Protein backbone atom coordinates (compact mmCIF):
# COMPACT_ATOMS: atom_id res chain seq x y z
CA UNK A 1 0.00 0.00 0.00
CA UNK A 2 1.34 3.41 -0.93
CA UNK A 3 1.03 6.19 1.63
CA UNK A 4 -0.71 4.14 4.33
CA UNK A 5 -0.93 7.26 6.49
CA UNK A 6 -3.56 8.63 4.10
CA UNK A 7 -6.20 6.22 5.46
CA UNK A 8 -4.72 5.13 8.81
CA UNK A 9 -7.68 6.75 10.64
CA UNK A 10 -10.12 4.50 8.76
CA UNK A 11 -11.46 7.39 6.69
CA UNK A 12 -10.45 7.86 3.05
CA UNK A 13 -10.31 11.52 1.96
CA UNK A 14 -11.55 12.21 -1.59
CA UNK A 15 -11.22 15.75 -2.97
CA UNK A 16 -13.52 17.13 -5.67
CA UNK A 17 -12.55 20.37 -7.39
CA UNK A 18 -15.24 22.87 -8.38
CA UNK A 19 -15.20 24.40 -11.84
CA UNK A 20 -13.22 27.66 -12.18
CA UNK A 21 -15.31 30.74 -11.50
CA UNK A 22 -14.14 34.32 -11.97
CA UNK A 23 -13.39 36.26 -8.81
CA UNK A 24 -13.57 40.06 -8.71
CA UNK A 25 -10.73 40.19 -6.18
CA UNK A 26 -7.22 41.15 -7.26
CA UNK A 27 -5.32 39.70 -4.32
CA UNK A 28 -1.57 39.73 -4.97
CA UNK A 29 -0.96 36.48 -3.07
CA UNK A 30 -3.72 34.50 -4.83
CA UNK A 31 -2.75 32.45 -7.92
CA UNK A 32 -5.03 33.11 -10.88
CA UNK A 33 -5.48 30.93 -13.95
CA UNK A 34 -8.45 30.34 -16.27
CA UNK A 35 -7.67 26.60 -16.03
CA UNK A 36 -7.97 26.29 -12.24
CA UNK A 37 -10.25 27.62 -9.50
CA UNK A 38 -9.08 30.84 -7.86
CA UNK A 39 -6.28 30.33 -5.34
CA UNK A 40 -5.28 26.89 -6.70
CA UNK A 41 -2.33 26.25 -9.00
CA UNK A 42 -2.82 24.34 -12.25
CA UNK A 43 -0.15 21.81 -11.18
CA UNK A 44 -1.85 20.63 -7.98
CA UNK A 45 -3.01 16.98 -8.07
CA UNK A 46 -6.67 17.80 -7.38
CA UNK A 47 -6.76 20.37 -10.20
CA UNK A 48 -5.06 17.97 -12.62
CA UNK A 49 -7.63 15.26 -11.80
CA UNK A 50 -10.51 17.73 -12.11
CA UNK A 51 -9.29 19.03 -15.47
CA UNK A 52 -8.90 15.49 -16.83
CA UNK A 53 -12.52 14.82 -15.81
CA UNK A 54 -13.85 18.10 -17.23
CA UNK A 55 -14.61 19.26 -13.65
CA UNK A 56 -17.39 16.61 -13.51
CA UNK A 57 -17.78 15.87 -9.77
CA UNK A 58 -19.10 12.32 -10.22
CA UNK A 59 -16.28 11.40 -12.57
CA UNK A 60 -13.69 12.91 -10.20
CA UNK A 61 -14.98 10.75 -7.33
CA UNK A 62 -15.04 7.61 -9.50
CA UNK A 63 -11.49 8.17 -10.77
CA UNK A 64 -10.13 8.92 -7.29
CA UNK A 65 -11.82 5.91 -5.68
CA UNK A 66 -10.49 3.65 -8.44
CA UNK A 67 -6.96 5.00 -7.93
CA UNK A 68 -7.17 4.57 -4.15
CA UNK A 69 -8.43 0.98 -4.57
CA UNK A 70 -5.51 0.22 -6.90
CA UNK A 71 -3.15 1.49 -4.18
CA UNK A 72 -4.79 -0.81 -1.59
CA UNK A 73 -6.81 1.74 0.39
CA UNK A 74 -10.25 0.92 1.84
CA UNK A 75 -13.19 2.74 0.27
CA UNK A 76 -15.98 1.88 2.67
CA UNK A 77 -15.74 5.13 4.67
CA UNK A 78 -15.06 8.30 2.67
CA UNK A 79 -14.70 11.97 3.58
CA UNK A 80 -15.73 14.04 0.54
CA UNK A 81 -13.87 17.36 0.36
CA UNK A 82 -15.23 19.98 -2.04
CA UNK A 83 -12.46 22.37 -3.06
CA UNK A 84 -12.37 25.47 -5.23
CA UNK A 85 -14.86 28.22 -5.73
CA UNK A 86 -14.74 31.72 -4.34
CA UNK A 87 -16.06 32.45 -0.86
């Protein structure tokens, strides 16, 4: 199993990335790209997965659960994390 610490608590975290949405803010410290949600870089793993799935939430979950299963992680208890968007 790769990265056993990821699920050592018995809960498997699965991140879903929301579709990019324009933000009116011009914060200097906040990365901005039309290919990723505000404040996320286009190279982050969650953004790369989301882009490959066309930001389809269901597809992102399916792909991530398949990958985790291939790495030997349990999938019976999942924490769904919704990332992205502007708050």
